[in-house]
Amino acid sequence: MLRRLVLALPLLAASALAPAYAQGCDTRFEFFNRSSRTVMEFYFDSSRNPNWTRDELGDGVLAPGRGRRFTAANTGMYDFKAVLEGGRSVELRQVNICAITRVTLTDSGLRAE
């Protein structure tokens, strides 16, 4: 019985990480502001969701030259939206979250890397 428990512990630990690392997919990424404007709001949602859910910056903002790390809840295709000071927004759609490590905002728009 003790042997079964010892053998099961690594499986239990791996299953706890399953949502963020499903099928070898690391859903962590950094959002980096390389634009000349402050980001007031930042959204990322599954492309299957037709609506933006919540501002991931919460009460904060992201000044030029700053970055912040995020983790998507699931694998698959994602859409990104940044709302800049002054109200202008930019979007990037249909990005495979498993294939990127960074989303960068420049004065030309959003790009995934």
Protein backbone atom coordinates (compact mmCIF):
# COMPACT_ATOMS: atom_id res chain seq x y z
CA MET A 1 0.00 0.00 0.00
CA LEU A 2 2.81 2.45 0.84
CA ARG A 3 4.48 1.59 -2.45
CA ARG A 4 1.29 2.53 -4.37
CA LEU A 5 1.13 5.85 -2.55
CA VAL A 6 4.75 6.63 -3.31
CA LEU A 7 4.23 5.75 -6.98
CA ALA A 8 1.03 7.83 -7.16
CA LEU A 9 2.50 11.06 -5.73
CA PRO A 10 4.24 12.17 -8.97
CA LEU A 11 1.00 11.57 -10.89
CA LEU A 12 -0.98 13.65 -8.43
CA ALA A 13 1.52 16.49 -8.67
CA ALA A 14 1.44 16.40 -12.47
CA SER A 15 -2.36 16.48 -12.57
CA ALA A 16 -2.37 19.62 -10.42
CA LEU A 17 -0.41 21.39 -13.17
CA ALA A 18 -2.55 20.04 -16.02
CA PRO A 19 -4.58 23.17 -16.92
CA ALA A 20 -1.57 25.41 -17.53
CA TYR A 21 0.58 22.73 -19.14
CA ALA A 22 -2.01 20.58 -20.91
CA GLN A 23 -0.43 18.38 -23.56
CA GLY A 24 2.98 20.04 -23.21
CA CYS A 25 1.58 23.55 -23.63
CA ASP A 26 2.94 26.32 -21.45
CA THR A 27 0.27 29.04 -21.40
CA ARG A 28 2.42 31.60 -19.59
CA PHE A 29 3.34 34.73 -21.52
CA GLU A 30 4.60 38.26 -20.96
CA PHE A 31 2.78 41.35 -22.16
CA PHE A 32 5.31 44.06 -22.90
CA ASN A 33 4.54 47.70 -23.68
CA ARG A 34 7.06 49.03 -26.21
CA SER A 35 4.73 51.80 -27.34
CA SER A 36 4.86 55.48 -26.44
CA ARG A 37 1.46 55.31 -24.68
CA THR A 38 0.29 53.91 -21.35
CA VAL A 39 -1.92 50.81 -21.52
CA MET A 40 -5.03 51.45 -19.46
CA GLU A 41 -6.68 48.03 -19.96
CA PHE A 42 -5.51 44.63 -21.24
CA TYR A 43 -7.72 41.70 -22.18
CA PHE A 44 -7.03 38.18 -23.38
CA ASP A 45 -9.70 35.56 -23.95
CA SER A 46 -10.24 32.35 -25.80
CA SER A 47 -11.10 33.08 -29.43
CA ARG A 48 -14.26 31.01 -28.90
CA ASN A 49 -15.54 33.69 -26.51
CA PRO A 50 -17.29 36.48 -28.48
CA ASN A 51 -16.96 38.97 -25.59
CA TRP A 52 -14.04 40.41 -23.65
CA THR A 53 -14.24 39.22 -20.03
CA ARG A 54 -12.20 41.28 -17.58
CA ASP A 55 -9.41 43.82 -17.63
CA GLU A 56 -6.36 41.78 -16.64
CA LEU A 57 -4.54 44.87 -15.35
CA GLY A 58 -7.27 45.39 -12.76
CA ASP A 59 -6.75 48.75 -11.07
CA GLY A 60 -3.27 49.11 -12.56
CA VAL A 61 -1.87 50.39 -15.84
CA LEU A 62 1.18 49.45 -17.89
CA ALA A 63 3.53 52.34 -18.63
CA PRO A 64 5.79 52.43 -21.71
CA GLY A 65 8.81 50.18 -21.27
CA ARG A 66 7.11 47.96 -18.69
CA GLY A 67 5.98 44.34 -18.87
CA ARG A 68 3.82 41.95 -16.91
CA ARG A 69 3.43 38.17 -16.86
CA PHE A 70 0.15 36.33 -17.31
CA THR A 71 -1.07 32.75 -17.58
CA ALA A 72 -3.97 31.76 -19.81
CA ALA A 73 -6.39 29.30 -18.22
CA ASN A 74 -6.59 26.95 -21.20
CA THR A 75 -4.82 25.97 -24.38
CA GLY A 76 -5.97 26.95 -27.86
CA MET A 77 -6.48 30.13 -29.83
CA TYR A 78 -6.63 33.47 -27.99
CA ASP A 79 -7.53 37.07 -28.79
CA PHE A 80 -5.75 40.06 -27.21
CA LYS A 81 -6.86 43.65 -26.74
CA ALA A 82 -5.03 46.67 -25.32
CA VAL A 83 -6.83 49.94 -24.54
CA LEU A 84 -4.46 52.89 -24.57
CA GLU A 85 -4.63 56.22 -22.81
CA GLY A 86 -6.98 58.41 -24.83
CA GLY A 87 -9.31 55.46 -25.52
CA ARG A 88 -7.77 53.96 -28.69
CA SER A 89 -7.74 50.17 -28.68
CA VAL A 90 -5.74 47.62 -30.66
CA GLU A 91 -6.50 43.93 -31.10
CA LEU A 92 -4.71 40.78 -32.14
CA ARG A 93 -6.82 37.73 -32.93
CA GLN A 94 -6.44 33.98 -33.35
CA VAL A 95 -3.07 33.43 -31.63
CA ASN A 96 -2.10 29.92 -30.53
CA ILE A 97 -1.28 30.45 -26.84
CA CYS A 98 0.95 27.36 -26.90
CA ALA A 99 3.21 28.85 -29.58
CA ILE A 100 4.07 32.21 -27.96
CA THR A 101 5.94 33.54 -24.95
CA ARG A 102 5.34 37.28 -25.42
CA VAL A 103 2.73 39.71 -26.69
CA THR A 104 4.27 43.07 -27.50
CA LEU A 105 2.54 46.40 -28.02
CA THR A 106 4.33 48.90 -30.28
CA ASP A 107 3.09 52.14 -31.80
CA SER A 108 2.19 50.00 -34.84
CA GLY A 109 -0.03 47.56 -32.91
CA LEU A 110 0.11 44.19 -31.14
CA ARG A 111 2.27 41.26 -32.17
CA ALA A 112 2.82 37.79 -30.72
CA GLU A 113 6.26 36.23 -30.46
